N, C-alpha and C. Protein backbone atom coordinates (compact mmCIF):
# COMPACT_ATOMS: atom_id res chain seq x y z
N MET A 1 -24.88 14.71 0.44
CA MET A 1 -23.18 14.08 0.10
C MET A 1 -22.95 14.39 -1.01
N SER A 2 -22.00 14.68 -2.23
CA SER A 2 -21.87 14.80 -2.95
C SER A 2 -21.45 12.68 -3.69
N GLU A 3 -21.54 13.00 -5.13
CA GLU A 3 -20.96 11.52 -5.35
C GLU A 3 -19.43 11.80 -5.34
N LEU A 4 -18.86 9.83 -5.36
CA LEU A 4 -17.47 9.98 -5.77
C LEU A 4 -17.47 10.69 -7.48
N PRO A 5 -16.43 10.97 -7.72
CA PRO A 5 -15.79 10.63 -8.90
C PRO A 5 -15.85 9.77 -9.74
N SER A 6 -15.89 9.52 -10.87
CA SER A 6 -15.44 8.46 -12.28
C SER A 6 -14.54 8.94 -12.62
N ASN A 7 -13.76 8.57 -13.93
CA ASN A 7 -12.15 8.44 -14.75
C ASN A 7 -11.49 9.07 -13.96
N VAL A 8 -10.77 8.50 -12.14
CA VAL A 8 -9.77 9.43 -11.59
C VAL A 8 -8.46 9.29 -12.48
N LEU A 9 -7.91 9.96 -12.26
CA LEU A 9 -6.72 10.32 -13.06
C LEU A 9 -5.16 9.41 -12.02
N GLY A 10 -4.95 8.93 -11.79
CA GLY A 10 -3.45 8.24 -11.03
C GLY A 10 -2.81 9.45 -10.07
N LEU A 11 -2.83 10.91 -11.14
CA LEU A 11 -2.33 11.95 -10.60
C LEU A 11 -3.13 12.30 -9.73
N GLU A 12 -4.00 12.12 -9.77
CA GLU A 12 -5.09 12.43 -8.06
C GLU A 12 -5.25 11.37 -7.37
N ALA A 13 -4.09 9.77 -7.49
CA ALA A 13 -4.24 9.45 -5.78
C ALA A 13 -3.19 10.19 -5.90
N CYS A 14 -3.40 9.22 -3.78
CA CYS A 14 -2.18 9.88 -2.99
C CYS A 14 -1.64 8.53 -1.96
N LEU A 15 -0.29 8.34 -2.15
CA LEU A 15 0.35 7.51 -1.27
C LEU A 15 1.18 8.18 0.25
N TYR A 16 1.23 7.42 1.31
CA TYR A 16 1.54 8.39 2.76
C TYR A 16 2.29 6.78 3.20
N ILE A 17 2.96 7.81 3.79
CA ILE A 17 4.06 6.88 4.66
C ILE A 17 3.98 7.89 5.88
N GLY A 18 3.78 7.11 6.75
CA GLY A 18 4.07 7.47 7.88
C GLY A 18 4.56 6.58 9.35
N ALA A 19 3.54 6.59 10.23
CA ALA A 19 3.98 6.33 12.44
C ALA A 19 3.25 5.08 11.77
N VAL A 20 3.25 3.63 11.86
CA VAL A 20 3.19 2.29 12.67
C VAL A 20 1.85 3.03 13.53
N GLY A 21 0.06 1.87 12.90
CA GLY A 21 -0.86 2.81 14.16
C GLY A 21 -1.41 3.57 14.02
N ALA A 22 -1.10 4.30 12.64
CA ALA A 22 -2.05 5.92 12.37
C ALA A 22 -2.68 5.86 11.58
N THR A 23 -3.67 6.89 12.09
CA THR A 23 -4.96 6.40 10.91
C THR A 23 -4.16 7.15 9.76
N HIS A 24 -5.55 6.67 8.80
CA HIS A 24 -5.54 7.39 7.34
C HIS A 24 -5.79 9.12 7.87
N THR A 25 -6.90 9.33 8.05
CA THR A 25 -6.47 10.85 8.64
C THR A 25 -4.79 11.70 8.59
N ALA A 26 -4.39 10.68 10.07
CA ALA A 26 -3.51 10.85 10.89
C ALA A 26 -2.35 11.70 9.31
N LEU A 27 -2.18 10.18 8.56
CA LEU A 27 -1.50 10.09 7.49
C LEU A 27 -1.62 10.52 6.33
N SER A 28 -2.55 11.36 6.14
CA SER A 28 -3.22 11.99 4.77
C SER A 28 -2.94 13.62 5.14
N VAL A 29 -1.34 13.60 5.79
CA VAL A 29 -0.86 14.89 5.28
C VAL A 29 0.22 15.40 4.02
N GLU A 30 0.26 16.74 4.68
CA GLU A 30 1.43 16.83 3.19
C GLU A 30 2.68 16.22 3.82
N THR A 31 3.05 16.10 4.66
CA THR A 31 4.33 15.80 4.37
C THR A 31 4.89 14.47 4.75
N ASN A 32 3.88 13.25 5.17
CA ASN A 32 3.97 11.86 4.79
C ASN A 32 3.42 12.23 3.07
N GLU A 33 3.65 11.90 2.53
CA GLU A 33 2.98 12.01 1.13
C GLU A 33 4.04 11.45 0.22
N VAL A 34 4.23 10.61 -0.45
CA VAL A 34 5.28 10.47 -1.20
C VAL A 34 5.38 10.71 -2.62
N THR A 35 5.80 11.87 -2.64
CA THR A 35 5.97 12.84 -3.79
C THR A 35 6.74 12.42 -4.75
N CYS A 36 7.97 11.76 -4.02
CA CYS A 36 8.71 11.56 -5.40
C CYS A 36 7.83 9.84 -5.63
N ALA A 37 7.15 9.87 -5.73
CA ALA A 37 6.65 8.53 -6.23
C ALA A 37 6.36 9.38 -7.68
N ARG A 38 6.62 7.67 -9.25
CA ARG A 38 6.71 8.54 -10.01
C ARG A 38 5.37 7.35 -10.71
N SER A 39 4.86 5.65 -10.48
CA SER A 39 3.71 5.14 -10.50
C SER A 39 3.65 4.12 -9.37
N VAL A 40 2.84 4.23 -8.97
CA VAL A 40 2.48 3.06 -7.46
C VAL A 40 1.26 1.44 -8.06
N ASP A 41 1.53 0.94 -7.69
CA ASP A 41 0.37 -0.35 -8.11
C ASP A 41 -0.44 -0.82 -6.88
N LEU A 42 -1.79 -0.49 -7.21
CA LEU A 42 -1.51 -2.04 -6.06
C LEU A 42 -2.58 -2.72 -6.27
N SER A 43 -1.81 -4.19 -6.10
CA SER A 43 -2.73 -5.43 -6.02
C SER A 43 -3.38 -5.62 -4.54
N ARG A 44 -4.25 -6.27 -4.89
CA ARG A 44 -4.99 -6.83 -4.13
C ARG A 44 -5.72 -8.39 -4.69
N THR A 45 -5.55 -9.45 -4.26
CA THR A 45 -5.59 -10.31 -4.73
C THR A 45 -6.27 -11.80 -3.24
N SER A 46 -6.50 -12.56 -3.82
CA SER A 46 -6.92 -13.72 -2.74
C SER A 46 -6.73 -15.56 -3.11
N ALA A 47 -6.45 -15.75 -2.18
CA ALA A 47 -5.76 -17.44 -2.13
C ALA A 47 -7.30 -17.85 -1.93
N MET A 48 -6.46 -18.92 -2.98
CA MET A 48 -8.06 -20.23 -3.07
C MET A 48 -7.72 -21.02 -2.47
N ALA A 49 -9.05 -21.34 -2.38
CA ALA A 49 -9.09 -22.47 -1.05
C ALA A 49 -9.78 -24.22 -1.60
N ASP A 50 -8.89 -25.12 -1.79
CA ASP A 50 -10.25 -26.46 -3.34
C ASP A 50 -10.58 -26.86 -1.94
N VAL A 51 -12.07 -27.28 -2.58
CA VAL A 51 -13.27 -27.27 -2.09
C VAL A 51 -14.12 -28.61 -3.29
N THR A 52 -13.15 -28.96 -4.32
CA THR A 52 -13.78 -30.39 -4.91
C THR A 52 -13.99 -31.23 -4.02
N ARG A 53 -14.85 -31.55 -4.59
CA ARG A 53 -15.78 -32.77 -4.43
C ARG A 53 -15.80 -33.79 -5.44
N ARG A 54 -16.02 -35.61 -4.98
CA ARG A 54 -15.84 -36.14 -5.55
C ARG A 54 -17.50 -35.91 -6.11
N GLY A 55 -17.15 -36.29 -7.79
CA GLY A 55 -18.89 -36.57 -8.30
C GLY A 55 -18.56 -34.63 -9.05
N SER A 56 -17.81 -34.45 -9.12
CA SER A 56 -17.80 -33.31 -9.40
C SER A 56 -16.36 -33.02 -10.67
N ASP A 57 -16.84 -32.24 -11.84
CA ASP A 57 -15.73 -32.70 -13.19
C ASP A 57 -14.75 -31.57 -13.00
N TYR A 58 -15.25 -30.71 -11.96
CA TYR A 58 -14.72 -28.95 -12.10
C TYR A 58 -13.65 -29.40 -11.30
N ARG A 59 -12.84 -28.63 -11.07
CA ARG A 59 -12.42 -28.25 -9.53
C ARG A 59 -13.29 -27.34 -8.77
N LEU A 60 -13.42 -26.94 -7.72
CA LEU A 60 -14.06 -25.76 -7.26
C LEU A 60 -13.16 -25.55 -6.29
N GLN A 61 -13.33 -23.77 -6.06
CA GLN A 61 -13.16 -23.79 -5.05
C GLN A 61 -13.70 -22.02 -4.34
N ARG A 62 -13.07 -21.62 -3.22
CA ARG A 62 -13.59 -20.69 -2.21
C ARG A 62 -12.34 -19.78 -1.74
N ARG A 63 -12.71 -18.82 -2.31
CA ARG A 63 -11.98 -17.94 -1.34
C ARG A 63 -10.98 -17.44 -0.16
N ALA A 64 -10.06 -17.41 0.00
CA ALA A 64 -9.56 -17.32 1.03
C ALA A 64 -9.06 -16.17 1.60
N LEU A 65 -7.51 -16.30 1.69
CA LEU A 65 -7.14 -15.12 2.73
C LEU A 65 -7.11 -14.01 1.51
N LYS A 66 -6.82 -13.11 1.76
CA LYS A 66 -7.08 -11.40 0.86
C LYS A 66 -5.03 -11.55 0.93
N GLU A 67 -4.52 -11.11 0.04
CA GLU A 67 -3.21 -11.09 -0.15
C GLU A 67 -3.30 -9.25 -0.51
N ALA A 68 -2.82 -9.23 -0.35
CA ALA A 68 -1.77 -7.40 -0.77
C ALA A 68 -0.12 -6.78 -1.01
N SER A 69 -0.12 -6.36 -1.95
CA SER A 69 1.61 -6.17 -2.57
C SER A 69 1.36 -4.28 -3.21
N ILE A 70 1.81 -4.15 -2.20
CA ILE A 70 2.31 -2.56 -3.10
C ILE A 70 3.36 -2.08 -3.84
N SER A 71 3.72 -2.02 -5.50
CA SER A 71 4.59 -1.81 -5.65
C SER A 71 4.66 -0.03 -6.70
N MET A 72 6.35 0.38 -6.07
CA MET A 72 6.60 1.80 -6.62
C MET A 72 7.38 1.65 -7.41
N GLU A 73 7.85 3.15 -7.97
CA GLU A 73 8.93 3.24 -9.10
C GLU A 73 8.99 4.86 -8.34
N LEU A 74 10.40 4.78 -7.52
CA LEU A 74 10.10 5.88 -6.94
C LEU A 74 11.82 6.75 -7.77
N ILE A 75 11.39 8.01 -7.75
CA ILE A 75 12.90 8.47 -7.84
C ILE A 75 13.66 8.76 -6.89
N TYR A 76 15.22 8.56 -7.06
CA TYR A 76 16.21 8.59 -6.20
C TYR A 76 16.04 10.29 -6.07
N ASP A 77 15.80 10.50 -5.24
CA ASP A 77 15.98 11.81 -4.12
C ASP A 77 16.10 11.50 -2.60
N PRO A 78 17.83 11.00 -1.67
CA PRO A 78 18.22 10.45 -0.55
C PRO A 78 17.89 11.67 0.71
N GLY A 79 17.51 13.06 -0.55
CA GLY A 79 17.69 14.10 1.00
C GLY A 79 15.76 14.55 1.17
N ASP A 80 14.95 13.53 0.54
CA ASP A 80 13.22 13.40 0.41
C ASP A 80 13.06 13.00 2.09
N PRO A 81 12.67 13.36 3.24
CA PRO A 81 12.54 12.95 4.08
C PRO A 81 12.00 11.55 4.13
N VAL A 82 10.77 11.49 3.44
CA VAL A 82 9.92 10.29 2.54
C VAL A 82 10.42 9.10 2.00
N PHE A 83 11.29 9.85 1.43
CA PHE A 83 12.39 8.18 0.50
C PHE A 83 13.34 7.97 1.50
N LYS A 84 14.27 8.51 2.69
CA LYS A 84 14.88 8.69 3.46
C LYS A 84 14.02 7.35 4.30
N ARG A 85 12.79 7.48 4.62
CA ARG A 85 11.92 6.85 5.67
C ARG A 85 11.78 5.12 5.00
N LEU A 86 11.75 5.29 3.56
CA LEU A 86 11.70 3.46 3.01
C LEU A 86 12.88 3.30 3.09
N SER A 87 13.75 4.41 3.04
CA SER A 87 15.06 3.48 2.31
C SER A 87 15.13 3.06 4.22
N ASP A 88 15.40 3.77 5.37
CA ASP A 88 15.35 3.42 6.36
C ASP A 88 14.31 1.86 7.40
N SER A 89 13.39 2.16 6.61
CA SER A 89 12.33 0.92 7.06
C SER A 89 13.18 -0.42 6.19
N TYR A 90 13.70 -0.39 4.67
CA TYR A 90 14.50 -1.87 3.99
C TYR A 90 15.26 -1.90 5.12
N GLU A 91 16.19 -0.91 5.50
CA GLU A 91 17.47 -0.90 6.10
C GLU A 91 17.19 -1.78 7.41
N SER A 92 16.19 -1.31 8.85
CA SER A 92 15.97 -1.83 9.39
C SER A 92 15.87 -2.97 9.62
N GLY A 93 14.48 -3.15 8.58
CA GLY A 93 13.52 -4.10 8.89
C GLY A 93 12.19 -3.88 9.58
N GLU A 94 12.24 -2.00 9.77
CA GLU A 94 10.78 -1.84 10.78
C GLU A 94 10.17 -1.13 9.76
N ALA A 95 8.21 -1.65 10.40
CA ALA A 95 7.22 -2.05 9.26
C ALA A 95 7.04 0.02 9.67
N VAL A 96 6.78 0.07 8.66
CA VAL A 96 5.88 1.99 8.21
C VAL A 96 3.94 1.71 8.11
N GLY A 97 3.56 3.14 9.16
CA GLY A 97 1.53 2.75 8.50
C GLY A 97 2.26 3.37 6.53
N LEU A 98 1.24 2.97 6.20
CA LEU A 98 0.52 2.67 5.38
C LEU A 98 -0.24 4.05 4.52
N PHE A 99 -0.91 4.13 3.56
CA PHE A 99 -1.79 4.49 3.10
C PHE A 99 -2.50 4.64 1.86
N VAL A 100 -3.14 3.93 1.21
CA VAL A 100 -2.69 4.12 -0.51
C VAL A 100 -4.01 4.86 -0.45
N SER A 101 -4.17 5.64 -1.11
CA SER A 101 -5.51 6.30 -1.58
C SER A 101 -5.81 6.95 -3.09
N ASP A 102 -7.04 6.68 -3.26
CA ASP A 102 -7.64 7.13 -4.24
C ASP A 102 -7.40 8.64 -4.88
N GLY A 103 -6.92 9.33 -3.58
CA GLY A 103 -7.22 11.02 -3.49
C GLY A 103 -8.62 11.73 -2.84
N PHE A 104 -9.64 10.84 -2.77
CA PHE A 104 -10.34 10.79 -2.57
C PHE A 104 -11.20 10.42 -0.84
N GLY A 105 -9.88 9.54 -0.79
CA GLY A 105 -10.61 9.19 0.55
C GLY A 105 -10.76 7.49 1.47
N SER A 106 -10.71 6.62 -0.06
CA SER A 106 -10.56 5.41 -0.40
C SER A 106 -9.46 4.66 -0.55
N GLY A 107 -8.92 3.45 0.09
CA GLY A 107 -7.83 3.20 0.06
C GLY A 107 -6.94 1.98 1.10
N LEU A 108 -6.30 1.73 0.44
CA LEU A 108 -5.68 0.42 1.35
C LEU A 108 -4.73 1.00 3.12
N LEU A 109 -4.85 1.17 4.21
CA LEU A 109 -4.93 1.71 5.46
C LEU A 109 -4.52 0.38 6.26
N CYS A 110 -2.83 0.05 6.39
CA CYS A 110 -2.02 -0.89 6.78
C CYS A 110 -0.60 -0.38 7.19
N ASP A 111 -0.42 -1.20 8.07
CA ASP A 111 1.53 -1.54 8.45
C ASP A 111 1.90 -2.29 7.59
N ALA A 112 3.08 -1.49 7.25
CA ALA A 112 3.48 -2.36 5.90
C ALA A 112 4.85 -2.56 6.54
N SER A 113 5.95 -3.67 5.32
CA SER A 113 7.14 -3.31 5.61
C SER A 113 7.87 -3.80 3.79
N VAL A 114 8.45 -2.85 3.64
CA VAL A 114 9.56 -2.64 2.51
C VAL A 114 10.19 -4.13 2.73
N THR A 115 10.13 -4.53 1.48
CA THR A 115 10.34 -6.11 0.77
C THR A 115 11.26 -5.82 0.14
N GLU A 116 11.74 -4.81 -0.93
CA GLU A 116 12.96 -4.80 -2.30
C GLU A 116 12.38 -3.20 -2.23
N PHE A 117 13.59 -2.58 -2.36
CA PHE A 117 14.07 -1.47 -2.65
C PHE A 117 16.00 -1.37 -3.38
N SER A 118 14.70 -1.77 -5.19
CA SER A 118 15.90 -1.51 -5.70
C SER A 118 16.54 -0.81 -6.66
N GLN A 119 17.98 -0.77 -6.88
CA GLN A 119 17.90 1.17 -7.61
C GLN A 119 18.31 0.62 -9.33
N SER A 120 17.95 1.27 -9.96
CA SER A 120 18.36 0.98 -11.52
C SER A 120 18.90 2.53 -11.81
N GLN A 121 19.94 2.44 -12.86
CA GLN A 121 20.83 3.23 -12.97
C GLN A 121 21.18 3.31 -14.55
N PRO A 122 20.16 3.92 -15.27
CA PRO A 122 20.36 3.71 -16.80
C PRO A 122 20.66 4.90 -17.50
N MET A 123 21.70 4.52 -18.69
CA MET A 123 22.47 5.72 -18.60
C MET A 123 21.96 7.18 -19.06
N GLU A 124 20.75 6.89 -19.67
CA GLU A 124 20.36 7.96 -20.25
C GLU A 124 19.03 8.31 -19.71
N ASP A 125 18.48 7.95 -18.53
CA ASP A 125 17.90 8.70 -17.74
C ASP A 125 17.83 8.24 -15.97
N ILE A 126 17.03 9.12 -15.49
CA ILE A 126 17.06 9.59 -14.28
C ILE A 126 17.99 7.99 -12.96
N ILE A 127 18.21 8.36 -12.00
CA ILE A 127 18.51 7.38 -11.36
C ILE A 127 16.61 6.88 -10.70
N THR A 128 16.22 5.53 -10.62
CA THR A 128 14.94 5.65 -10.14
C THR A 128 15.17 4.75 -9.11
N VAL A 129 14.15 4.39 -8.18
CA VAL A 129 14.34 2.76 -7.29
C VAL A 129 13.20 2.22 -7.21
N ASN A 130 12.71 0.81 -6.98
CA ASN A 130 12.07 -0.32 -7.56
C ASN A 130 11.86 -0.08 -5.93
N ALA A 131 10.28 -0.16 -5.86
CA ALA A 131 10.09 -0.17 -3.99
C ALA A 131 9.32 -1.39 -3.93
N VAL A 132 8.87 -2.21 -2.95
CA VAL A 132 7.79 -3.21 -2.75
C VAL A 132 7.41 -3.20 -0.97
N LEU A 133 6.27 -2.93 -0.90
CA LEU A 133 5.70 -3.26 0.59
C LEU A 133 4.69 -4.44 0.39
N VAL A 134 4.30 -4.67 1.95
CA VAL A 134 3.44 -5.67 1.56
C VAL A 134 3.35 -5.95 3.27
N PRO A 135 1.63 -5.56 4.09
CA PRO A 135 0.68 -6.19 4.62
C PRO A 135 1.52 -6.11 6.09
N THR A 136 1.57 -5.85 6.84
CA THR A 136 2.13 -6.25 8.27
C THR A 136 1.69 -6.70 9.52
N PHE A 137 1.74 -7.02 10.60
CA PHE A 137 1.21 -6.74 11.19
C PHE A 137 1.84 -6.80 12.70
N VAL A 138 1.41 -4.77 13.06
CA VAL A 138 2.47 -4.45 13.96
C VAL A 138 1.46 -3.82 15.32
N SER A 139 0.84 -2.99 14.39
CA SER A 139 -0.61 -2.49 15.85
C SER A 139 -2.11 -2.99 15.66
N ARG A 140 -2.21 -3.39 14.42
CA ARG A 140 -3.71 -3.75 13.21
C ARG A 140 -3.45 -4.69 11.86
N TYR A 141 -4.79 -4.68 11.47
CA TYR A 141 -4.72 -5.50 10.53
C TYR A 141 -5.14 -4.67 9.28
N PRO A 142 -4.18 -4.90 8.07
CA PRO A 142 -4.68 -3.84 7.09
C PRO A 142 -6.50 -3.85 6.87
N ALA A 143 -6.91 -2.84 6.81
CA ALA A 143 -8.37 -2.97 6.23
C ALA A 143 -8.73 -1.47 4.50
N TRP A 144 -9.66 -1.62 4.52
CA TRP A 144 -9.82 -0.50 3.41
C TRP A 144 -10.67 -0.04 3.76
N ILE A 145 -10.41 1.49 3.45
CA ILE A 145 -11.00 2.22 4.17
C ILE A 145 -12.40 2.62 2.97
N SER A 146 -13.30 3.67 3.03
CA SER A 146 -14.30 3.51 1.85
C SER A 146 -14.48 4.57 2.38
N ALA A 147 -14.31 5.55 1.03
CA ALA A 147 -14.45 7.46 1.06
C ALA A 147 -15.87 7.99 2.51
N THR A 148 -16.89 7.05 2.14
CA THR A 148 -17.77 7.28 3.26
C THR A 148 -18.01 6.57 4.40
N ALA A 149 -17.11 5.83 5.21
CA ALA A 149 -17.14 4.52 6.67
C ALA A 149 -16.33 5.69 7.23
N THR A 150 -15.98 5.22 8.55
CA THR A 150 -15.36 5.40 9.72
C THR A 150 -14.56 4.41 8.74
N PRO A 151 -12.71 4.41 10.02
CA PRO A 151 -11.77 3.06 10.27
C PRO A 151 -12.41 2.71 11.10
N PRO A 152 -11.56 1.28 10.74
CA PRO A 152 -11.67 -0.16 11.78
C PRO A 152 -11.68 0.52 13.38
N PRO A 153 -12.12 -0.36 14.17
CA PRO A 153 -11.51 0.18 15.81
C PRO A 153 -10.26 -0.63 15.95
N PRO A 154 -9.12 -0.55 16.39
CA PRO A 154 -8.14 -1.50 16.64
C PRO A 154 -7.76 -2.65 16.77
N PRO A 155 -7.58 -3.63 16.88
CA PRO A 155 -7.75 -4.83 17.48
C PRO A 155 -7.00 -4.78 19.11
N PRO A 156 -7.75 -6.75 19.36
CA PRO A 156 -7.21 -6.26 20.42
C PRO A 156 -6.10 -6.53 21.09
N PRO A 157 -5.82 -6.56 22.51
CA PRO A 157 -4.12 -6.02 22.09
C PRO A 157 -3.55 -7.67 22.72
């Protein structure tokens, strides 16, 4: 097996939106790619639990739940079917399947809710939309997919 590349450019990365519960392989098709995205930011953080004990001069913490959010700047294109799907998802409150990929098969796979869909209309530039998606549970838990790993099994019903 060849080694994964280093120094990957953002333009090599991919963002896919599709059906809730779809696998990363099913989502990773051209018709699901968000090609109107100018930039995408995947934020992965962890909450911290305070485990400080008496006698310590320092706050002691332990990592707790992971959190993720995906923010993106989109070129305003209401005729693009994937753009429309994101807009419709925001309006209806229905989740979408999401795979944020590095372009080589690794990335975050989840069902996600669109929590922001804000339009910017500058005088001397194109109209853009800032969208924010956060993982939710519809048919699976969020998972990090490794380029060398198989997808996790779905959670029990």
